[in-house]
Amino acid sequence: MVHSDDIRGLQKPVILFNNYGDDFMEGEAFVADHIFSYIVSGTQEVWSGNQTYVFKAGDYRFFRRNQLTKYVKRPGQHGFQSIAVHIDQGTLREMAKLYADHPRKPYLGKDVALLKPNAYLESYVNSLAPYANASGIYEEALVVLKAQELVLLLLQTNPLLKHALFDFDVPGKIDLVAFMNTHYRYNVGLDRMAFLTGRSLSTFKRDFQKIFNTTAGRWLTKRRLEEANYLIDQKGKTASEIYLDLGFEDLSHFSSTYKKVFGKTPSRGRRR
């Protein structure tokens, strides 16, 4: 998945080949555009909200746009390799004129969907190699055609995806408590959290203060440390095992913050 600093997403479709060799990788990403992905080699665990998905080589996946994910990529015999197509909103708006339902229905499927394999998807994936990292007016035009082809294949493979692909609304205002309790582990800016809860940044901060009686930054630190204390004291985890998963970027900062709150280092808590 591509890390994007632009919540609005891509201006045109992109085809990417990912090859990480024998490296183990973990991280998180904001999925700004719908993504079709095929694993060539290796395995991948994905967390979206409170849902966990495990994928292996040969799996076709669909990632719905506007969601936060965490992932772990583990190499296989040929490292970790995958092919991904990021579908821009412009391409989808043009196709919606022909294929969208009117009135539009809500999407009731999963945000990360495992697609049933078929000969069409297999043939499509095998055709993508020439279009990776395309440049120039003609190659980029061909990538748009490949994205349009993919959309039709997705609609044929799983008709329910129509309601996700042709949903052009920004996220609606949702329950802030439920969202924060599901996403507090994600190390993303408040602007993205605000966007995903259907709020402007100023409205998000105002609503947060009213509901939680504190700022989002203070609440996130407290909630993450409470979870860390539980994992260390009750589950025997080490600080190095959990600090990234809990949204901390730096181990030393996590350890010093933990000690400031609980009066002990994470290692002392574990020994006890």
C-alpha atoms as a PDB file:
ATOM      1  CA  MET A   1       0.000   0.000   0.000  1.00  0.00           C
ATOM      2  CA  VAL A   2       1.094   3.531  -0.726  1.00  0.00           C
ATOM      3  CA  HIS A   3       1.493   6.057   2.029  1.00  0.00           C
ATOM      4  CA  SER A   4      -0.225   9.242   0.891  1.00  0.00           C
ATOM      5  CA  ASP A   5      -0.186  12.675   2.467  1.00  0.00           C
ATOM      6  CA  ASP A   6      -3.123  13.692   0.315  1.00  0.00           C
ATOM      7  CA  ILE A   7      -6.515  12.731   1.741  1.00  0.00           C
ATOM      8  CA  ARG A   8      -8.107  13.573  -1.583  1.00  0.00           C
ATOM      9  CA  GLY A   9      -6.377  10.649  -3.316  1.00  0.00           C
ATOM     10  CA  LEU A  10      -4.814  10.216  -6.741  1.00  0.00           C
ATOM     11  CA  GLN A  11      -5.524  12.250  -9.836  1.00  0.00           C
ATOM     12  CA  LYS A  12      -4.996   9.233 -12.124  1.00  0.00           C
ATOM     13  CA  PRO A  13      -4.720   5.450 -11.709  1.00  0.00           C
ATOM     14  CA  VAL A  14      -1.373   3.903 -10.789  1.00  0.00           C
ATOM     15  CA  ILE A  15      -0.013   0.369 -11.243  1.00  0.00           C
ATOM     16  CA  LEU A  16       2.730  -0.664  -8.814  1.00  0.00           C
ATOM     17  CA  PHE A  17       4.966  -3.708  -8.430  1.00  0.00           C
ATOM     18  CA  ASN A  18       6.272  -4.161  -4.888  1.00  0.00           C
ATOM     19  CA  ASN A  19       9.353  -6.297  -4.260  1.00  0.00           C
ATOM     20  CA  TYR A  20      10.819  -6.223  -0.763  1.00  0.00           C
ATOM     21  CA  GLY A  21      13.210  -9.141  -1.121  1.00  0.00           C
ATOM     22  CA  ASP A  22      13.728 -11.081   2.092  1.00  0.00           C
ATOM     23  CA  ASP A  23      12.907  -8.172   4.400  1.00  0.00           C
ATOM     24  CA  PHE A  24      10.211  -8.420   7.065  1.00  0.00           C
ATOM     25  CA  MET A  25       8.105  -5.262   6.971  1.00  0.00           C
ATOM     26  CA  GLU A  26       5.477  -3.739   9.213  1.00  0.00           C
ATOM     27  CA  GLY A  27       3.805  -0.378   9.228  1.00  0.00           C
ATOM     28  CA  GLU A  28       0.560   1.445   8.712  1.00  0.00           C
ATOM     29  CA  ALA A  29      -1.071   3.318   5.862  1.00  0.00           C
ATOM     30  CA  PHE A  30      -3.999   5.558   5.097  1.00  0.00           C
ATOM     31  CA  VAL A  31      -5.790   4.052   2.094  1.00  0.00           C
ATOM     32  CA  ALA A  32      -6.875   7.108   0.118  1.00  0.00           C
ATOM     33  CA  ASP A  33      -8.026   5.260  -3.021  1.00  0.00           C
ATOM     34  CA  HIS A  34      -9.580   1.887  -3.773  1.00  0.00           C
ATOM     35  CA  ILE A  35      -6.821  -0.675  -4.277  1.00  0.00           C
ATOM     36  CA  PHE A  36      -6.775  -4.028  -6.052  1.00  0.00           C
ATOM     37  CA  SER A  37      -3.809  -6.127  -4.982  1.00  0.00           C
ATOM     38  CA  TYR A  38      -2.424  -9.570  -5.807  1.00  0.00           C
ATOM     39  CA  ILE A  39       0.234 -11.308  -3.688  1.00  0.00           C
ATOM     40  CA  VAL A  40       2.897 -12.981  -5.828  1.00  0.00           C
ATOM     41  CA  SER A  41       5.090 -14.257  -2.995  1.00  0.00           C
ATOM     42  CA  GLY A  42       4.955 -14.123   0.790  1.00  0.00           C
ATOM     43  CA  THR A  43       2.153 -13.478   3.274  1.00  0.00           C
ATOM     44  CA  GLN A  44       0.527 -10.371   4.688  1.00  0.00           C
ATOM     45  CA  GLU A  45      -1.480  -9.632   7.807  1.00  0.00           C
ATOM     46  CA  VAL A  46      -3.727  -6.583   7.652  1.00  0.00           C
ATOM     47  CA  TRP A  47      -5.582  -4.817  10.463  1.00  0.00           C
ATOM     48  CA  SER A  48      -8.439  -2.498   9.548  1.00  0.00           C
ATOM     49  CA  GLY A  49     -10.271  -1.081  12.525  1.00  0.00           C
ATOM     50  CA  ASN A  50     -10.755  -4.073  14.818  1.00  0.00           C
ATOM     51  CA  GLN A  51     -10.727  -6.629  11.985  1.00  0.00           C
ATOM     52  CA  THR A  52      -7.724  -8.832  11.154  1.00  0.00           C
ATOM     53  CA  TYR A  53      -7.100 -10.396   7.748  1.00  0.00           C
ATOM     54  CA  VAL A  54      -4.408 -12.887   6.739  1.00  0.00           C
ATOM     55  CA  PHE A  55      -3.458 -13.253   3.064  1.00  0.00           C
ATOM     56  CA  LYS A  56      -1.075 -15.550   1.215  1.00  0.00           C
ATOM     57  CA  ALA A  57       0.505 -15.831  -2.223  1.00  0.00           C
ATOM     58  CA  GLY A  58      -2.175 -16.207  -4.892  1.00  0.00           C
ATOM     59  CA  ASP A  59      -4.773 -14.081  -3.076  1.00  0.00           C
ATOM     60  CA  TYR A  60      -6.623 -11.263  -4.824  1.00  0.00           C
ATOM     61  CA  ARG A  61      -7.686  -8.450  -2.496  1.00  0.00           C
ATOM     62  CA  PHE A  62      -9.783  -5.290  -2.635  1.00  0.00           C
ATOM     63  CA  PHE A  63      -9.126  -2.434  -0.207  1.00  0.00           C
ATOM     64  CA  ARG A  64     -11.881   0.117   0.152  1.00  0.00           C
ATOM     65  CA  ARG A  65     -10.771   3.749   0.171  1.00  0.00           C
ATOM     66  CA  ASN A  66     -10.770   6.047   3.202  1.00  0.00           C
ATOM     67  CA  GLN A  67      -9.575   3.662   5.884  1.00  0.00           C
ATOM     68  CA  LEU A  68      -6.614   3.235   8.207  1.00  0.00           C
ATOM     69  CA  THR A  69      -4.692  -0.033   8.076  1.00  0.00           C
ATOM     70  CA  LYS A  70      -1.770  -1.682   9.809  1.00  0.00           C
ATOM     71  CA  TYR A  71       0.141  -4.453   8.095  1.00  0.00           C
ATOM     72  CA  VAL A  72       2.897  -7.028   8.435  1.00  0.00           C
ATOM     73  CA  LYS A  73       4.523  -8.373   5.266  1.00  0.00           C
ATOM     74  CA  ARG A  74       6.487 -11.603   5.582  1.00  0.00           C
ATOM     75  CA  PRO A  75       8.726 -12.878   2.780  1.00  0.00           C
ATOM     76  CA  GLY A  76       8.124 -16.173   1.013  1.00  0.00           C
ATOM     77  CA  GLN A  77      10.465 -18.207  -1.172  1.00  0.00           C
ATOM     78  CA  HIS A  78      10.982 -15.197  -3.445  1.00  0.00           C
ATOM     79  CA  GLY A  79      10.699 -12.504  -0.788  1.00  0.00           C
ATOM     80  CA  PHE A  80       7.529 -10.454  -0.542  1.00  0.00           C
ATOM     81  CA  GLN A  81       6.154  -9.456  -3.940  1.00  0.00           C
ATOM     82  CA  SER A  82       2.805  -7.978  -4.861  1.00  0.00           C
ATOM     83  CA  ILE A  83       1.044  -6.148  -7.677  1.00  0.00           C
ATOM     84  CA  ALA A  84      -1.320  -3.289  -6.893  1.00  0.00           C
ATOM     85  CA  VAL A  85      -3.638  -1.073  -8.924  1.00  0.00           C
ATOM     86  CA  HIS A  86      -4.768   2.182  -7.292  1.00  0.00           C
ATOM     87  CA  ILE A  87      -8.029   3.384  -8.855  1.00  0.00           C
ATOM     88  CA  ASP A  88      -8.569   7.135  -8.941  1.00  0.00           C
ATOM     89  CA  GLN A  89     -11.926   8.820  -8.418  1.00  0.00           C
ATOM     90  CA  GLY A  90     -11.924  10.456 -11.863  1.00  0.00           C
ATOM     91  CA  THR A  91     -11.884   7.096 -13.638  1.00  0.00           C
ATOM     92  CA  LEU A  92     -14.673   5.814 -11.415  1.00  0.00           C
ATOM     93  CA  ARG A  93     -16.855   8.889 -11.904  1.00  0.00           C
ATOM     94  CA  GLU A  94     -16.706   8.411 -15.666  1.00  0.00           C
ATOM     95  CA  MET A  95     -17.624   4.721 -15.364  1.00  0.00           C
ATOM     96  CA  ALA A  96     -20.417   5.460 -12.900  1.00  0.00           C
ATOM     97  CA  LYS A  97     -22.324   7.182 -15.701  1.00  0.00           C
ATOM     98  CA  LEU A  98     -22.759   3.748 -17.294  1.00  0.00           C
ATOM     99  CA  TYR A  99     -22.632   1.248 -14.458  1.00  0.00           C
ATOM    100  CA  ALA A 100     -23.742   2.842 -11.176  1.00  0.00           C
ATOM    101  CA  ASP A 101     -27.143   2.124  -9.644  1.00  0.00           C
ATOM    102  CA  HIS A 102     -29.616   4.973  -9.322  1.00  0.00           C
ATOM    103  CA  PRO A 103     -30.415   5.558  -6.557  1.00  0.00           C
ATOM    104  CA  ARG A 104     -27.133   4.342  -5.082  1.00  0.00           C
ATOM    105  CA  LYS A 105     -27.248   1.651  -2.396  1.00  0.00           C
ATOM    106  CA  PRO A 106     -24.929   1.499   0.639  1.00  0.00           C
ATOM    107  CA  TYR A 107     -21.948  -0.850   0.564  1.00  0.00           C
ATOM    108  CA  LEU A 108     -22.400  -3.591   3.162  1.00  0.00           C
ATOM    109  CA  GLY A 109     -19.256  -5.621   2.447  1.00  0.00           C
ATOM    110  CA  LYS A 110     -15.885  -5.681   4.179  1.00  0.00           C
ATOM    111  CA  ASP A 111     -13.372  -2.848   3.921  1.00  0.00           C
ATOM    112  CA  VAL A 112     -10.735  -5.445   2.997  1.00  0.00           C
ATOM    113  CA  ALA A 113     -12.244  -8.136   0.789  1.00  0.00           C
ATOM    114  CA  LEU A 114     -10.742 -11.411  -0.415  1.00  0.00           C
ATOM    115  CA  LEU A 115     -11.855 -11.917  -4.010  1.00  0.00           C
ATOM    116  CA  LYS A 116     -12.789 -15.262  -5.466  1.00  0.00           C
ATOM    117  CA  PRO A 117     -10.130 -16.233  -8.031  1.00  0.00           C
ATOM    118  CA  ASN A 118     -11.134 -16.738 -11.641  1.00  0.00           C
ATOM    119  CA  ALA A 119      -9.568 -16.913 -15.096  1.00  0.00           C
ATOM    120  CA  TYR A 120     -10.344 -13.255 -15.814  1.00  0.00           C
ATOM    121  CA  LEU A 121      -8.454 -11.967 -12.765  1.00  0.00           C
ATOM    122  CA  GLU A 122      -5.550 -14.312 -13.443  1.00  0.00           C
ATOM    123  CA  SER A 123      -5.280 -13.141 -17.031  1.00  0.00           C
ATOM    124  CA  TYR A 124      -5.557  -9.505 -15.926  1.00  0.00           C
ATOM    125  CA  VAL A 125      -2.742  -9.764 -13.380  1.00  0.00           C
ATOM    126  CA  ASN A 126      -0.511 -11.468 -15.930  1.00  0.00           C
ATOM    127  CA  SER A 127      -1.056  -8.540 -18.312  1.00  0.00           C
ATOM    128  CA  LEU A 128       0.071  -5.787 -15.924  1.00  0.00           C
ATOM    129  CA  ALA A 129       3.872  -5.992 -16.198  1.00  0.00           C
ATOM    130  CA  PRO A 130       4.312  -3.502 -19.096  1.00  0.00           C
ATOM    131  CA  TYR A 131       2.277  -0.819 -17.304  1.00  0.00           C
ATOM    132  CA  ALA A 132       4.169  -0.532 -14.025  1.00  0.00           C
ATOM    133  CA  ASN A 133       5.695   2.910 -13.455  1.00  0.00           C
ATOM    134  CA  ALA A 134       4.190   4.168 -16.710  1.00  0.00           C
ATOM    135  CA  SER A 135       5.263   7.563 -18.015  1.00  0.00           C
ATOM    136  CA  GLY A 136       4.373   9.557 -21.080  1.00  0.00           C
ATOM    137  CA  ILE A 137       0.983  10.460 -22.481  1.00  0.00           C
ATOM    138  CA  TYR A 138       0.341   7.172 -24.299  1.00  0.00           C
ATOM    139  CA  GLU A 139       1.473   4.867 -21.491  1.00  0.00           C
ATOM    140  CA  GLU A 140      -0.574   6.797 -18.951  1.00  0.00           C
ATOM    141  CA  ALA A 141      -3.619   6.570 -21.223  1.00  0.00           C
ATOM    142  CA  LEU A 142      -3.117   2.805 -21.386  1.00  0.00           C
ATOM    143  CA  VAL A 143      -3.011   2.655 -17.566  1.00  0.00           C
ATOM    144  CA  VAL A 144      -6.409   4.374 -17.486  1.00  0.00           C
ATOM    145  CA  LEU A 145      -7.747   1.666 -19.812  1.00  0.00           C
ATOM    146  CA  LYS A 146      -6.281  -1.043 -17.561  1.00  0.00           C
ATOM    147  CA  ALA A 147      -7.977   0.584 -14.572  1.00  0.00           C
ATOM    148  CA  GLN A 148     -11.294   0.641 -16.433  1.00  0.00           C
ATOM    149  CA  GLU A 149     -10.835  -3.024 -17.337  1.00  0.00           C
ATOM    150  CA  LEU A 150     -10.173  -3.799 -13.674  1.00  0.00           C
ATOM    151  CA  VAL A 151     -13.345  -2.043 -12.543  1.00  0.00           C
ATOM    152  CA  LEU A 152     -15.421  -4.164 -14.926  1.00  0.00           C
ATOM    153  CA  LEU A 153     -13.710  -7.328 -13.673  1.00  0.00           C
ATOM    154  CA  LEU A 154     -14.376  -6.344 -10.063  1.00  0.00           C
ATOM    155  CA  LEU A 155     -18.038  -5.723 -10.828  1.00  0.00           C
ATOM    156  CA  GLN A 156     -18.232  -9.128 -12.487  1.00  0.00           C
ATOM    157  CA  THR A 157     -16.333 -10.918  -9.708  1.00  0.00           C
ATOM    158  CA  ASN A 158     -18.225  -9.332  -6.815  1.00  0.00           C
ATOM    159  CA  PRO A 159     -21.280  -7.231  -7.800  1.00  0.00           C
ATOM    160  CA  LEU A 160     -21.508  -5.821  -4.251  1.00  0.00           C
ATOM    161  CA  LEU A 161     -18.302  -3.864  -4.892  1.00  0.00           C
ATOM    162  CA  LYS A 162     -20.331  -1.579  -7.143  1.00  0.00           C
ATOM    163  CA  HIS A 163     -21.682   0.158  -4.068  1.00  0.00           C
ATOM    164  CA  ALA A 164     -18.146   0.848  -2.797  1.00  0.00           C
ATOM    165  CA  LEU A 165     -16.554   1.777  -6.121  1.00  0.00           C
ATOM    166  CA  PHE A 166     -19.257   4.284  -7.030  1.00  0.00           C
ATOM    167  CA  ASP A 167     -19.570   5.845  -3.591  1.00  0.00           C
ATOM    168  CA  PHE A 168     -18.147   9.352  -3.997  1.00  0.00           C
ATOM    169  CA  ASP A 169     -19.305  10.788  -0.684  1.00  0.00           C
ATOM    170  CA  VAL A 170     -16.838  11.957   1.929  1.00  0.00           C
ATOM    171  CA  PRO A 171     -17.135  10.032   5.201  1.00  0.00           C
ATOM    172  CA  GLY A 172     -20.258  11.000   7.109  1.00  0.00           C
ATOM    173  CA  LYS A 173     -20.237  12.154  10.692  1.00  0.00           C
ATOM    174  CA  ILE A 174     -19.901   9.026  12.829  1.00  0.00           C
ATOM    175  CA  ASP A 175     -19.764   8.067  16.511  1.00  0.00           C
ATOM    176  CA  LEU A 176     -16.517   9.552  17.818  1.00  0.00           C
ATOM    177  CA  VAL A 177     -16.238   7.259  20.859  1.00  0.00           C
ATOM    178  CA  ALA A 178     -16.572   4.086  18.795  1.00  0.00           C
ATOM    179  CA  PHE A 179     -14.078   5.335  16.207  1.00  0.00           C
ATOM    180  CA  MET A 180     -11.426   6.320  18.746  1.00  0.00           C
ATOM    181  CA  ASN A 181     -11.714   3.062  20.693  1.00  0.00           C
ATOM    182  CA  THR A 182     -11.179   1.178  17.435  1.00  0.00           C
ATOM    183  CA  HIS A 183      -8.416   3.348  15.969  1.00  0.00           C
ATOM    184  CA  TYR A 184      -6.373   4.687  18.902  1.00  0.00           C
ATOM    185  CA  ARG A 185      -3.401   2.496  17.935  1.00  0.00           C
ATOM    186  CA  TYR A 186      -2.938   4.229  14.570  1.00  0.00           C
ATOM    187  CA  ASN A 187      -0.145   6.799  14.460  1.00  0.00           C
ATOM    188  CA  VAL A 188      -1.791   9.285  12.093  1.00  0.00           C
ATOM    189  CA  GLY A 189      -2.478  12.981  12.264  1.00  0.00           C
ATOM    190  CA  LEU A 190      -5.634  14.412  13.775  1.00  0.00           C
ATOM    191  CA  ASP A 191      -6.555  15.804  10.354  1.00  0.00           C
ATOM    192  CA  ARG A 192      -7.009  12.259   9.026  1.00  0.00           C
ATOM    193  CA  MET A 193      -8.948  11.161  12.081  1.00  0.00           C
ATOM    194  CA  ALA A 194     -11.168  14.198  11.659  1.00  0.00           C
ATOM    195  CA  PHE A 195     -11.733  13.405   7.975  1.00  0.00           C
ATOM    196  CA  LEU A 196     -12.593   9.758   8.644  1.00  0.00           C
ATOM    197  CA  THR A 197     -15.125  10.743  11.302  1.00  0.00           C
ATOM    198  CA  GLY A 198     -16.817  13.187   8.927  1.00  0.00           C
ATOM    199  CA  ARG A 199     -15.587  16.361  10.603  1.00  0.00           C
ATOM    200  CA  SER A 200     -13.397  19.343   9.932  1.00  0.00           C
ATOM    201  CA  LEU A 201     -10.322  19.477  12.153  1.00  0.00           C
ATOM    202  CA  SER A 202     -11.785  22.276  14.251  1.00  0.00           C
ATOM    203  CA  THR A 203     -15.102  20.433  14.684  1.00  0.00           C
ATOM    204  CA  PHE A 204     -13.243  17.221  15.557  1.00  0.00           C
ATOM    205  CA  LYS A 205     -11.286  18.984  18.310  1.00  0.00           C
ATOM    206  CA  ARG A 206     -14.393  20.697  19.637  1.00  0.00           C
ATOM    207  CA  ASP A 207     -16.466  17.496  19.649  1.00  0.00           C
ATOM    208  CA  PHE A 208     -13.607  15.561  21.208  1.00  0.00           C
ATOM    209  CA  GLN A 209     -13.202  18.034  24.070  1.00  0.00           C
ATOM    210  CA  LYS A 210     -16.945  17.972  24.713  1.00  0.00           C
ATOM    211  CA  ILE A 211     -17.217  14.153  24.729  1.00  0.00           C
ATOM    212  CA  PHE A 212     -13.936  13.154  26.437  1.00  0.00           C
ATOM    213  CA  ASN A 213     -13.301  16.298  28.509  1.00  0.00           C
ATOM    214  CA  THR A 214      -9.679  16.391  27.312  1.00  0.00           C
ATOM    215  CA  THR A 215      -7.730  16.919  24.120  1.00  0.00           C
ATOM    216  CA  ALA A 216      -7.315  14.163  21.523  1.00  0.00           C
ATOM    217  CA  GLY A 217      -3.533  14.161  22.002  1.00  0.00           C
ATOM    218  CA  ARG A 218      -3.753  13.621  25.767  1.00  0.00           C
ATOM    219  CA  TRP A 219      -6.476  10.992  25.416  1.00  0.00           C
ATOM    220  CA  LEU A 220      -4.506   9.028  22.812  1.00  0.00           C
ATOM    221  CA  THR A 221      -1.370   8.983  24.951  1.00  0.00           C
ATOM    222  CA  LYS A 222      -3.323   7.857  28.030  1.00  0.00           C
ATOM    223  CA  ARG A 223      -5.262   5.167  26.152  1.00  0.00           C
ATOM    224  CA  ARG A 224      -2.140   3.779  24.490  1.00  0.00           C
ATOM    225  CA  LEU A 225      -0.237   3.673  27.782  1.00  0.00           C
ATOM    226  CA  GLU A 226      -3.122   1.893  29.519  1.00  0.00           C
ATOM    227  CA  GLU A 227      -3.032  -0.765  26.824  1.00  0.00           C
ATOM    228  CA  ALA A 228       0.765  -0.965  27.082  1.00  0.00           C
ATOM    229  CA  ASN A 229       0.593  -1.456  30.849  1.00  0.00           C
ATOM    230  CA  TYR A 230      -1.925  -4.270  30.409  1.00  0.00           C
ATOM    231  CA  LEU A 231       0.165  -6.015  27.762  1.00  0.00           C
ATOM    232  CA  ILE A 232       3.359  -5.737  29.831  1.00  0.00           C
ATOM    233  CA  ASP A 233       1.955  -6.627  33.266  1.00  0.00           C
ATOM    234  CA  GLN A 234      -0.688  -9.174  32.259  1.00  0.00           C
ATOM    235  CA  LYS A 235       0.592 -10.618  28.970  1.00  0.00           C
ATOM    236  CA  GLY A 236       4.345 -10.500  29.560  1.00  0.00           C
ATOM    237  CA  LYS A 237       5.095  -8.409  26.494  1.00  0.00           C
ATOM    238  CA  THR A 238       8.231  -6.305  26.160  1.00  0.00           C
ATOM    239  CA  ALA A 239       8.321  -2.627  25.279  1.00  0.00           C
ATOM    240  CA  SER A 240      10.109  -3.347  21.999  1.00  0.00           C
ATOM    241  CA  GLU A 241       7.345  -5.774  21.016  1.00  0.00           C
ATOM    242  CA  ILE A 242       4.459  -3.368  21.452  1.00  0.00           C
ATOM    243  CA  TYR A 243       5.482   0.282  21.129  1.00  0.00           C
ATOM    244  CA  LEU A 244       5.034   0.467  17.342  1.00  0.00           C
ATOM    245  CA  ASP A 245       1.719  -1.389  17.418  1.00  0.00           C
ATOM    246  CA  LEU A 246       0.424   1.128  19.937  1.00  0.00           C
ATOM    247  CA  GLY A 247       1.213   4.154  17.802  1.00  0.00           C
ATOM    248  CA  PHE A 248       4.541   5.235  19.335  1.00  0.00           C
ATOM    249  CA  GLU A 249       7.287   6.078  16.840  1.00  0.00           C
ATOM    250  CA  ASP A 250      10.261   5.913  19.200  1.00  0.00           C
ATOM    251  CA  LEU A 251      11.085   3.282  21.849  1.00  0.00           C
ATOM    252  CA  SER A 252      12.958   5.675  24.130  1.00  0.00           C
ATOM    253  CA  HIS A 253      10.077   8.167  24.064  1.00  0.00           C
ATOM    254  CA  PHE A 254       7.627   5.369  24.844  1.00  0.00           C
ATOM    255  CA  SER A 255       9.760   4.149  27.774  1.00  0.00           C
ATOM    256  CA  SER A 256      10.195   7.611  29.279  1.00  0.00           C
ATOM    257  CA  THR A 257       6.479   8.417  28.931  1.00  0.00           C
ATOM    258  CA  TYR A 258       5.536   5.056  30.447  1.00  0.00           C
ATOM    259  CA  LYS A 259       7.831   5.672  33.427  1.00  0.00           C
ATOM    260  CA  LYS A 260       6.456   9.184  33.932  1.00  0.00           C
ATOM    261  CA  VAL A 261       2.884   7.860  34.140  1.00  0.00           C
ATOM    262  CA  PHE A 262       3.374   4.559  35.998  1.00  0.00           C
ATOM    263  CA  GLY A 263       6.503   5.341  38.032  1.00  0.00           C
ATOM    264  CA  LYS A 264       8.419   2.365  36.655  1.00  0.00           C
ATOM    265  CA  THR A 265      10.146   1.396  33.458  1.00  0.00           C
ATOM    266  CA  PRO A 266       8.416  -1.073  31.094  1.00  0.00           C
ATOM    267  CA  SER A 267      11.103  -3.681  31.822  1.00  0.00           C
ATOM    268  CA  ARG A 268      10.536  -3.443  35.605  1.00  0.00           C
ATOM    269  CA  GLY A 269       6.817  -3.879  35.092  1.00  0.00           C
ATOM    270  CA  ARG A 270       7.415  -7.038  33.074  1.00  0.00           C
ATOM    271  CA  ARG A 271       9.816  -8.579  35.641  1.00  0.00           C
ATOM    272  CA  ARG A 272       7.276  -8.041  38.371  1.00  0.00           C
END
